[in-house]
Amino acid sequence: MAATQRMQKELKDKYSKMKNNPNLSPIEYLRAQCLSRGASGIKGLGRTFRIMDDDGSRSLDIKEFKKGLHDYGVLMELDQIQTLFNELDKDGSGTVDFDEFLKALRPPMNNTRRQLIIKAFQKLDKSGDGVVTVSDLKGVYNITEDEFLNYYSGVSASIDSDAYFDLMMRSAWKI
Protein backbone atom coordinates (compact mmCIF):
# COMPACT_ATOMS: atom_id res chain seq x y z
CA MET A 1 0.00 0.00 0.00
CA ALA A 2 1.40 3.44 -0.95
CA ALA A 3 2.25 5.85 1.85
CA THR A 4 -0.59 8.25 0.94
CA GLN A 5 -3.14 5.43 0.84
CA ARG A 6 -1.93 4.17 4.20
CA MET A 7 -2.10 7.68 5.67
CA GLN A 8 -5.63 8.13 4.28
CA LYS A 9 -6.69 4.86 5.89
CA GLU A 10 -5.07 5.82 9.21
CA LEU A 11 -6.78 9.22 9.12
CA LYS A 12 -10.17 7.67 8.38
CA ASP A 13 -9.71 5.04 11.09
CA LYS A 14 -8.60 7.58 13.69
CA TYR A 15 -11.50 9.95 13.11
CA SER A 16 -14.04 7.15 12.67
CA LYS A 17 -13.18 6.01 16.20
CA MET A 18 -13.02 9.56 17.50
CA LYS A 19 -16.51 10.51 16.28
CA ASN A 20 -17.94 7.89 18.64
CA ASN A 21 -16.49 9.68 21.68
CA PRO A 22 -19.44 11.12 23.66
CA ASN A 23 -17.22 13.81 25.21
CA LEU A 24 -16.55 15.66 21.95
CA SER A 25 -17.82 19.20 21.60
CA PRO A 26 -20.19 19.76 18.65
CA ILE A 27 -17.38 21.32 16.56
CA GLU A 28 -15.01 18.43 17.36
CA TYR A 29 -17.77 15.98 16.45
CA LEU A 30 -18.39 17.71 13.10
CA ARG A 31 -14.64 17.79 12.42
CA ALA A 32 -14.39 14.06 13.20
CA GLN A 33 -17.39 13.37 10.93
CA CYS A 34 -15.61 15.18 8.08
CA LEU A 35 -12.15 13.70 8.60
CA SER A 36 -13.54 10.18 8.98
CA ARG A 37 -14.20 10.53 5.24
CA GLY A 38 -10.51 11.13 4.59
CA ALA A 39 -8.15 14.02 4.05
CA SER A 40 -10.56 15.87 1.77
CA GLY A 41 -13.53 15.57 4.16
CA ILE A 42 -13.39 19.20 5.32
CA LYS A 43 -12.87 20.33 1.75
CA GLY A 44 -15.92 18.27 0.75
CA LEU A 45 -18.03 19.95 3.39
CA GLY A 46 -16.73 23.28 2.09
CA ARG A 47 -18.07 22.38 -1.35
CA THR A 48 -21.31 21.28 0.25
CA PHE A 49 -21.47 24.67 2.00
CA ARG A 50 -22.00 26.33 -1.37
CA ILE A 51 -24.87 23.95 -2.06
CA MET A 52 -26.32 24.60 1.43
CA ASP A 53 -26.28 28.34 0.73
CA ASP A 54 -29.72 28.48 -0.90
CA ASP A 55 -29.83 32.28 -1.17
CA GLY A 56 -26.22 32.74 -2.43
CA SER A 57 -25.24 35.02 0.47
CA ARG A 58 -21.97 33.15 1.28
CA SER A 59 -23.39 32.59 4.72
CA LEU A 60 -25.80 30.10 6.24
CA ASP A 61 -28.79 30.71 8.45
CA ILE A 62 -29.82 28.00 10.90
CA LYS A 63 -32.33 26.47 8.45
CA GLU A 64 -29.74 26.14 5.67
CA PHE A 65 -27.19 24.86 8.20
CA LYS A 66 -29.48 22.09 9.52
CA LYS A 67 -30.45 21.01 6.01
CA GLY A 68 -26.85 21.02 4.81
CA LEU A 69 -25.61 18.91 7.70
CA HIS A 70 -28.40 16.42 7.10
CA ASP A 71 -27.67 16.31 3.35
CA TYR A 72 -23.95 15.78 4.06
CA GLY A 73 -24.83 12.85 6.30
CA VAL A 74 -23.88 14.38 9.64
CA LEU A 75 -26.38 13.15 12.17
CA MET A 76 -26.65 15.36 15.25
CA GLU A 77 -29.36 16.12 17.76
CA LEU A 78 -31.17 19.43 17.21
CA ASP A 79 -29.75 20.91 20.41
CA GLN A 80 -26.21 19.94 19.29
CA ILE A 81 -26.79 21.60 15.91
CA GLN A 82 -28.03 24.77 17.60
CA THR A 83 -25.04 24.79 19.98
CA LEU A 84 -22.67 24.27 17.06
CA PHE A 85 -24.35 27.01 15.04
CA ASN A 86 -24.15 29.45 17.97
CA GLU A 87 -20.47 28.62 18.46
CA LEU A 88 -19.75 29.28 14.77
CA ASP A 89 -21.81 32.50 14.66
CA LYS A 90 -19.06 34.61 16.24
CA ASP A 91 -20.71 37.98 15.63
CA GLY A 92 -24.21 36.90 16.68
CA SER A 93 -25.68 37.86 13.30
CA GLY A 94 -27.80 34.72 12.99
CA THR A 95 -25.67 33.49 10.10
CA VAL A 96 -22.39 31.63 9.72
CA ASP A 97 -19.90 33.05 7.22
CA PHE A 98 -18.20 30.62 4.81
CA ASP A 99 -14.64 31.49 5.93
CA GLU A 100 -15.52 31.33 9.65
CA PHE A 101 -17.11 27.96 9.05
CA LEU A 102 -14.05 26.40 7.37
CA LYS A 103 -11.56 27.93 9.83
CA ALA A 104 -13.53 26.58 12.77
CA LEU A 105 -13.59 23.10 11.24
CA ARG A 106 -9.86 22.85 10.81
CA PRO A 107 -8.07 21.04 13.61
CA PRO A 108 -5.70 23.25 15.60
CA MET A 109 -2.25 23.48 14.04
CA ASN A 110 0.78 23.09 16.27
CA ASN A 111 3.61 25.62 16.44
CA THR A 112 6.08 23.37 14.57
CA ARG A 113 3.86 23.33 11.49
CA ARG A 114 3.09 27.03 11.79
CA GLN A 115 6.82 27.86 11.89
CA LEU A 116 7.49 25.75 8.77
CA ILE A 117 4.75 27.61 6.90
CA ILE A 118 6.20 30.95 7.99
CA LYS A 119 9.69 29.86 6.83
CA ALA A 120 8.26 28.96 3.43
CA PHE A 121 6.50 32.35 3.24
CA GLN A 122 9.71 34.16 4.18
CA LYS A 123 11.49 32.35 1.37
CA LEU A 124 8.93 33.79 -1.07
CA ASP A 125 8.98 37.26 0.50
CA LYS A 126 12.38 38.29 -0.82
CA SER A 127 11.98 41.94 0.22
CA GLY A 128 11.01 40.97 3.78
CA ASP A 129 8.07 43.41 3.87
CA GLY A 130 5.49 40.79 4.89
CA VAL A 131 3.81 40.74 1.47
CA VAL A 132 4.72 38.63 -1.55
CA THR A 133 4.56 41.04 -4.47
CA VAL A 134 5.17 40.77 -8.19
CA SER A 135 8.76 41.81 -7.63
CA ASP A 136 9.11 38.94 -5.12
CA LEU A 137 7.45 36.39 -7.30
CA LYS A 138 6.72 37.21 -10.94
CA GLY A 139 3.51 35.80 -12.38
CA VAL A 140 1.91 34.93 -9.04
CA TYR A 141 -0.67 36.86 -6.97
CA ASN A 142 0.08 39.25 -4.16
CA ILE A 143 -0.24 37.20 -1.03
CA THR A 144 -0.02 38.16 2.61
CA GLU A 145 1.51 36.03 5.35
CA ASP A 146 -1.98 35.53 6.83
CA GLU A 147 -3.31 34.26 3.48
CA PHE A 148 -0.31 31.96 3.09
CA LEU A 149 -0.73 30.66 6.64
CA ASN A 150 -4.45 30.19 6.04
CA TYR A 151 -3.74 28.15 2.89
CA TYR A 152 -1.27 25.87 4.64
CA SER A 153 -3.60 25.54 7.64
CA GLY A 154 -5.97 23.83 5.22
CA VAL A 155 -3.19 21.60 3.95
CA SER A 156 -2.17 20.86 7.53
CA ALA A 157 -5.70 19.71 8.37
CA SER A 158 -5.42 16.96 5.78
CA ILE A 159 -2.07 15.61 7.06
CA ASP A 160 -2.26 13.70 10.32
CA SER A 161 1.47 13.08 10.85
CA ASP A 162 3.77 15.93 11.95
CA ALA A 163 6.73 14.09 10.41
CA TYR A 164 5.03 13.86 7.02
CA PHE A 165 3.94 17.52 7.18
CA ASP A 166 7.53 18.51 8.02
CA LEU A 167 8.89 16.45 5.11
CA MET A 168 6.30 17.87 2.70
CA MET A 169 7.04 21.51 3.68
CA ARG A 170 10.82 21.07 3.62
CA SER A 171 10.71 19.28 0.27
CA ALA A 172 8.31 21.73 -1.35
CA TRP A 173 10.13 24.84 -0.14
CA LYS A 174 13.68 23.51 0.18
CA ILE A 175 13.92 24.69 3.81
C-alpha atoms as a PDB file:
ATOM      1  CA  MET A   1       0.000   0.000   0.000  1.00  0.00           C
ATOM      2  CA  ALA A   2       1.395   3.437  -0.949  1.00  0.00           C
ATOM      3  CA  ALA A   3       2.248   5.855   1.850  1.00  0.00           C
ATOM      4  CA  THR A   4      -0.586   8.247   0.943  1.00  0.00           C
ATOM      5  CA  GLN A   5      -3.140   5.432   0.838  1.00  0.00           C
ATOM      6  CA  ARG A   6      -1.925   4.171   4.204  1.00  0.00           C
ATOM      7  CA  MET A   7      -2.101   7.684   5.669  1.00  0.00           C
ATOM      8  CA  GLN A   8      -5.633   8.126   4.278  1.00  0.00           C
ATOM      9  CA  LYS A   9      -6.688   4.860   5.891  1.00  0.00           C
ATOM     10  CA  GLU A  10      -5.071   5.819   9.213  1.00  0.00           C
ATOM     11  CA  LEU A  11      -6.782   9.220   9.117  1.00  0.00           C
ATOM     12  CA  LYS A  12     -10.167   7.669   8.381  1.00  0.00           C
ATOM     13  CA  ASP A  13      -9.708   5.045  11.094  1.00  0.00           C
ATOM     14  CA  LYS A  14      -8.596   7.585  13.693  1.00  0.00           C
ATOM     15  CA  TYR A  15     -11.501   9.948  13.110  1.00  0.00           C
ATOM     16  CA  SER A  16     -14.040   7.155  12.670  1.00  0.00           C
ATOM     17  CA  LYS A  17     -13.184   6.010  16.197  1.00  0.00           C
ATOM     18  CA  MET A  18     -13.023   9.564  17.500  1.00  0.00           C
ATOM     19  CA  LYS A  19     -16.508  10.507  16.284  1.00  0.00           C
ATOM     20  CA  ASN A  20     -17.942   7.889  18.645  1.00  0.00           C
ATOM     21  CA  ASN A  21     -16.493   9.682  21.678  1.00  0.00           C
ATOM     22  CA  PRO A  22     -19.445  11.121  23.658  1.00  0.00           C
ATOM     23  CA  ASN A  23     -17.216  13.810  25.214  1.00  0.00           C
ATOM     24  CA  LEU A  24     -16.554  15.659  21.949  1.00  0.00           C
ATOM     25  CA  SER A  25     -17.822  19.201  21.604  1.00  0.00           C
ATOM     26  CA  PRO A  26     -20.188  19.759  18.648  1.00  0.00           C
ATOM     27  CA  ILE A  27     -17.377  21.323  16.558  1.00  0.00           C
ATOM     28  CA  GLU A  28     -15.007  18.428  17.361  1.00  0.00           C
ATOM     29  CA  TYR A  29     -17.770  15.982  16.454  1.00  0.00           C
ATOM     30  CA  LEU A  30     -18.392  17.708  13.103  1.00  0.00           C
ATOM     31  CA  ARG A  31     -14.636  17.790  12.417  1.00  0.00           C
ATOM     32  CA  ALA A  32     -14.392  14.059  13.202  1.00  0.00           C
ATOM     33  CA  GLN A  33     -17.387  13.371  10.928  1.00  0.00           C
ATOM     34  CA  CYS A  34     -15.614  15.180   8.079  1.00  0.00           C
ATOM     35  CA  LEU A  35     -12.149  13.704   8.602  1.00  0.00           C
ATOM     36  CA  SER A  36     -13.535  10.184   8.979  1.00  0.00           C
ATOM     37  CA  ARG A  37     -14.203  10.534   5.242  1.00  0.00           C
ATOM     38  CA  GLY A  38     -10.507  11.128   4.586  1.00  0.00           C
ATOM     39  CA  ALA A  39      -8.151  14.024   4.046  1.00  0.00           C
ATOM     40  CA  SER A  40     -10.561  15.867   1.774  1.00  0.00           C
ATOM     41  CA  GLY A  41     -13.527  15.572   4.163  1.00  0.00           C
ATOM     42  CA  ILE A  42     -13.389  19.200   5.317  1.00  0.00           C
ATOM     43  CA  LYS A  43     -12.866  20.328   1.749  1.00  0.00           C
ATOM     44  CA  GLY A  44     -15.917  18.267   0.752  1.00  0.00           C
ATOM     45  CA  LEU A  45     -18.031  19.946   3.395  1.00  0.00           C
ATOM     46  CA  GLY A  46     -16.734  23.283   2.089  1.00  0.00           C
ATOM     47  CA  ARG A  47     -18.070  22.385  -1.352  1.00  0.00           C
ATOM     48  CA  THR A  48     -21.314  21.283   0.247  1.00  0.00           C
ATOM     49  CA  PHE A  49     -21.471  24.668   2.002  1.00  0.00           C
ATOM     50  CA  ARG A  50     -21.998  26.327  -1.372  1.00  0.00           C
ATOM     51  CA  ILE A  51     -24.870  23.954  -2.057  1.00  0.00           C
ATOM     52  CA  MET A  52     -26.320  24.598   1.427  1.00  0.00           C
ATOM     53  CA  ASP A  53     -26.275  28.337   0.734  1.00  0.00           C
ATOM     54  CA  ASP A  54     -29.719  28.482  -0.898  1.00  0.00           C
ATOM     55  CA  ASP A  55     -29.829  32.277  -1.168  1.00  0.00           C
ATOM     56  CA  GLY A  56     -26.219  32.743  -2.426  1.00  0.00           C
ATOM     57  CA  SER A  57     -25.237  35.017   0.474  1.00  0.00           C
ATOM     58  CA  ARG A  58     -21.970  33.146   1.276  1.00  0.00           C
ATOM     59  CA  SER A  59     -23.391  32.590   4.720  1.00  0.00           C
ATOM     60  CA  LEU A  60     -25.799  30.098   6.244  1.00  0.00           C
ATOM     61  CA  ASP A  61     -28.787  30.714   8.450  1.00  0.00           C
ATOM     62  CA  ILE A  62     -29.816  27.998  10.895  1.00  0.00           C
ATOM     63  CA  LYS A  63     -32.327  26.470   8.455  1.00  0.00           C
ATOM     64  CA  GLU A  64     -29.739  26.138   5.666  1.00  0.00           C
ATOM     65  CA  PHE A  65     -27.193  24.856   8.196  1.00  0.00           C
ATOM     66  CA  LYS A  66     -29.478  22.089   9.517  1.00  0.00           C
ATOM     67  CA  LYS A  67     -30.452  21.008   6.009  1.00  0.00           C
ATOM     68  CA  GLY A  68     -26.849  21.021   4.815  1.00  0.00           C
ATOM     69  CA  LEU A  69     -25.609  18.907   7.704  1.00  0.00           C
ATOM     70  CA  HIS A  70     -28.404  16.424   7.096  1.00  0.00           C
ATOM     71  CA  ASP A  71     -27.669  16.311   3.354  1.00  0.00           C
ATOM     72  CA  TYR A  72     -23.949  15.785   4.065  1.00  0.00           C
ATOM     73  CA  GLY A  73     -24.831  12.853   6.300  1.00  0.00           C
ATOM     74  CA  VAL A  74     -23.881  14.381   9.637  1.00  0.00           C
ATOM     75  CA  LEU A  75     -26.379  13.155  12.168  1.00  0.00           C
ATOM     76  CA  MET A  76     -26.649  15.355  15.247  1.00  0.00           C
ATOM     77  CA  GLU A  77     -29.363  16.121  17.765  1.00  0.00           C
ATOM     78  CA  LEU A  78     -31.170  19.430  17.205  1.00  0.00           C
ATOM     79  CA  ASP A  79     -29.748  20.911  20.412  1.00  0.00           C
ATOM     80  CA  GLN A  80     -26.206  19.945  19.286  1.00  0.00           C
ATOM     81  CA  ILE A  81     -26.790  21.601  15.908  1.00  0.00           C
ATOM     82  CA  GLN A  82     -28.034  24.769  17.605  1.00  0.00           C
ATOM     83  CA  THR A  83     -25.035  24.791  19.985  1.00  0.00           C
ATOM     84  CA  LEU A  84     -22.670  24.274  17.057  1.00  0.00           C
ATOM     85  CA  PHE A  85     -24.346  27.015  15.035  1.00  0.00           C
ATOM     86  CA  ASN A  86     -24.151  29.446  17.966  1.00  0.00           C
ATOM     87  CA  GLU A  87     -20.468  28.619  18.457  1.00  0.00           C
ATOM     88  CA  LEU A  88     -19.746  29.284  14.767  1.00  0.00           C
ATOM     89  CA  ASP A  89     -21.808  32.505  14.656  1.00  0.00           C
ATOM     90  CA  LYS A  90     -19.058  34.607  16.239  1.00  0.00           C
ATOM     91  CA  ASP A  91     -20.709  37.984  15.625  1.00  0.00           C
ATOM     92  CA  GLY A  92     -24.210  36.904  16.679  1.00  0.00           C
ATOM     93  CA  SER A  93     -25.679  37.862  13.298  1.00  0.00           C
ATOM     94  CA  GLY A  94     -27.801  34.719  12.994  1.00  0.00           C
ATOM     95  CA  THR A  95     -25.668  33.493  10.099  1.00  0.00           C
ATOM     96  CA  VAL A  96     -22.386  31.628   9.721  1.00  0.00           C
ATOM     97  CA  ASP A  97     -19.901  33.053   7.220  1.00  0.00           C
ATOM     98  CA  PHE A  98     -18.198  30.620   4.814  1.00  0.00           C
ATOM     99  CA  ASP A  99     -14.644  31.490   5.926  1.00  0.00           C
ATOM    100  CA  GLU A 100     -15.524  31.335   9.648  1.00  0.00           C
ATOM    101  CA  PHE A 101     -17.106  27.963   9.046  1.00  0.00           C
ATOM    102  CA  LEU A 102     -14.054  26.405   7.372  1.00  0.00           C
ATOM    103  CA  LYS A 103     -11.559  27.933   9.833  1.00  0.00           C
ATOM    104  CA  ALA A 104     -13.527  26.581  12.771  1.00  0.00           C
ATOM    105  CA  LEU A 105     -13.589  23.100  11.245  1.00  0.00           C
ATOM    106  CA  ARG A 106      -9.856  22.848  10.807  1.00  0.00           C
ATOM    107  CA  PRO A 107      -8.067  21.038  13.608  1.00  0.00           C
ATOM    108  CA  PRO A 108      -5.702  23.254  15.602  1.00  0.00           C
ATOM    109  CA  MET A 109      -2.251  23.484  14.044  1.00  0.00           C
ATOM    110  CA  ASN A 110       0.783  23.088  16.271  1.00  0.00           C
ATOM    111  CA  ASN A 111       3.606  25.619  16.435  1.00  0.00           C
ATOM    112  CA  THR A 112       6.079  23.371  14.571  1.00  0.00           C
ATOM    113  CA  ARG A 113       3.857  23.328  11.487  1.00  0.00           C
ATOM    114  CA  ARG A 114       3.092  27.032  11.793  1.00  0.00           C
ATOM    115  CA  GLN A 115       6.822  27.858  11.886  1.00  0.00           C
ATOM    116  CA  LEU A 116       7.490  25.745   8.769  1.00  0.00           C
ATOM    117  CA  ILE A 117       4.752  27.607   6.905  1.00  0.00           C
ATOM    118  CA  ILE A 118       6.203  30.950   7.992  1.00  0.00           C
ATOM    119  CA  LYS A 119       9.690  29.863   6.832  1.00  0.00           C
ATOM    120  CA  ALA A 120       8.256  28.961   3.429  1.00  0.00           C
ATOM    121  CA  PHE A 121       6.504  32.354   3.244  1.00  0.00           C
ATOM    122  CA  GLN A 122       9.711  34.156   4.184  1.00  0.00           C
ATOM    123  CA  LYS A 123      11.486  32.350   1.374  1.00  0.00           C
ATOM    124  CA  LEU A 124       8.935  33.788  -1.074  1.00  0.00           C
ATOM    125  CA  ASP A 125       8.977  37.263   0.499  1.00  0.00           C
ATOM    126  CA  LYS A 126      12.378  38.294  -0.817  1.00  0.00           C
ATOM    127  CA  SER A 127      11.983  41.940   0.221  1.00  0.00           C
ATOM    128  CA  GLY A 128      11.008  40.970   3.775  1.00  0.00           C
ATOM    129  CA  ASP A 129       8.071  43.405   3.874  1.00  0.00           C
ATOM    130  CA  GLY A 130       5.486  40.787   4.887  1.00  0.00           C
ATOM    131  CA  VAL A 131       3.807  40.742   1.467  1.00  0.00           C
ATOM    132  CA  VAL A 132       4.724  38.626  -1.546  1.00  0.00           C
ATOM    133  CA  THR A 133       4.559  41.042  -4.470  1.00  0.00           C
ATOM    134  CA  VAL A 134       5.171  40.773  -8.187  1.00  0.00           C
ATOM    135  CA  SER A 135       8.756  41.813  -7.628  1.00  0.00           C
ATOM    136  CA  ASP A 136       9.113  38.945  -5.122  1.00  0.00           C
ATOM    137  CA  LEU A 137       7.446  36.388  -7.304  1.00  0.00           C
ATOM    138  CA  LYS A 138       6.720  37.207 -10.940  1.00  0.00           C
ATOM    139  CA  GLY A 139       3.510  35.800 -12.376  1.00  0.00           C
ATOM    140  CA  VAL A 140       1.911  34.927  -9.035  1.00  0.00           C
ATOM    141  CA  TYR A 141      -0.665  36.859  -6.969  1.00  0.00           C
ATOM    142  CA  ASN A 142       0.079  39.254  -4.162  1.00  0.00           C
ATOM    143  CA  ILE A 143      -0.245  37.205  -1.031  1.00  0.00           C
ATOM    144  CA  THR A 144      -0.017  38.158   2.613  1.00  0.00           C
ATOM    145  CA  GLU A 145       1.505  36.031   5.346  1.00  0.00           C
ATOM    146  CA  ASP A 146      -1.976  35.528   6.826  1.00  0.00           C
ATOM    147  CA  GLU A 147      -3.313  34.264   3.476  1.00  0.00           C
ATOM    148  CA  PHE A 148      -0.305  31.963   3.087  1.00  0.00           C
ATOM    149  CA  LEU A 149      -0.729  30.659   6.637  1.00  0.00           C
ATOM    150  CA  ASN A 150      -4.451  30.186   6.039  1.00  0.00           C
ATOM    151  CA  TYR A 151      -3.741  28.150   2.894  1.00  0.00           C
ATOM    152  CA  TYR A 152      -1.266  25.871   4.643  1.00  0.00           C
ATOM    153  CA  SER A 153      -3.603  25.536   7.635  1.00  0.00           C
ATOM    154  CA  GLY A 154      -5.970  23.827   5.222  1.00  0.00           C
ATOM    155  CA  VAL A 155      -3.186  21.601   3.947  1.00  0.00           C
ATOM    156  CA  SER A 156      -2.169  20.857   7.530  1.00  0.00           C
ATOM    157  CA  ALA A 157      -5.696  19.707   8.371  1.00  0.00           C
ATOM    158  CA  SER A 158      -5.420  16.958   5.776  1.00  0.00           C
ATOM    159  CA  ILE A 159      -2.073  15.612   7.061  1.00  0.00           C
ATOM    160  CA  ASP A 160      -2.257  13.700  10.322  1.00  0.00           C
ATOM    161  CA  SER A 161       1.467  13.079  10.854  1.00  0.00           C
ATOM    162  CA  ASP A 162       3.774  15.927  11.946  1.00  0.00           C
ATOM    163  CA  ALA A 163       6.728  14.093  10.414  1.00  0.00           C
ATOM    164  CA  TYR A 164       5.028  13.855   7.018  1.00  0.00           C
ATOM    165  CA  PHE A 165       3.944  17.515   7.179  1.00  0.00           C
ATOM    166  CA  ASP A 166       7.528  18.514   8.015  1.00  0.00           C
ATOM    167  CA  LEU A 167       8.886  16.455   5.115  1.00  0.00           C
ATOM    168  CA  MET A 168       6.303  17.870   2.698  1.00  0.00           C
ATOM    169  CA  MET A 169       7.045  21.507   3.679  1.00  0.00           C
ATOM    170  CA  ARG A 170      10.818  21.066   3.623  1.00  0.00           C
ATOM    171  CA  SER A 171      10.707  19.275   0.273  1.00  0.00           C
ATOM    172  CA  ALA A 172       8.306  21.731  -1.347  1.00  0.00           C
ATOM    173  CA  TRP A 173      10.128  24.840  -0.135  1.00  0.00           C
ATOM    174  CA  LYS A 174      13.682  23.514   0.183  1.00  0.00           C
ATOM    175  CA  ILE A 175      13.925  24.690   3.805  1.00  0.00           C
END
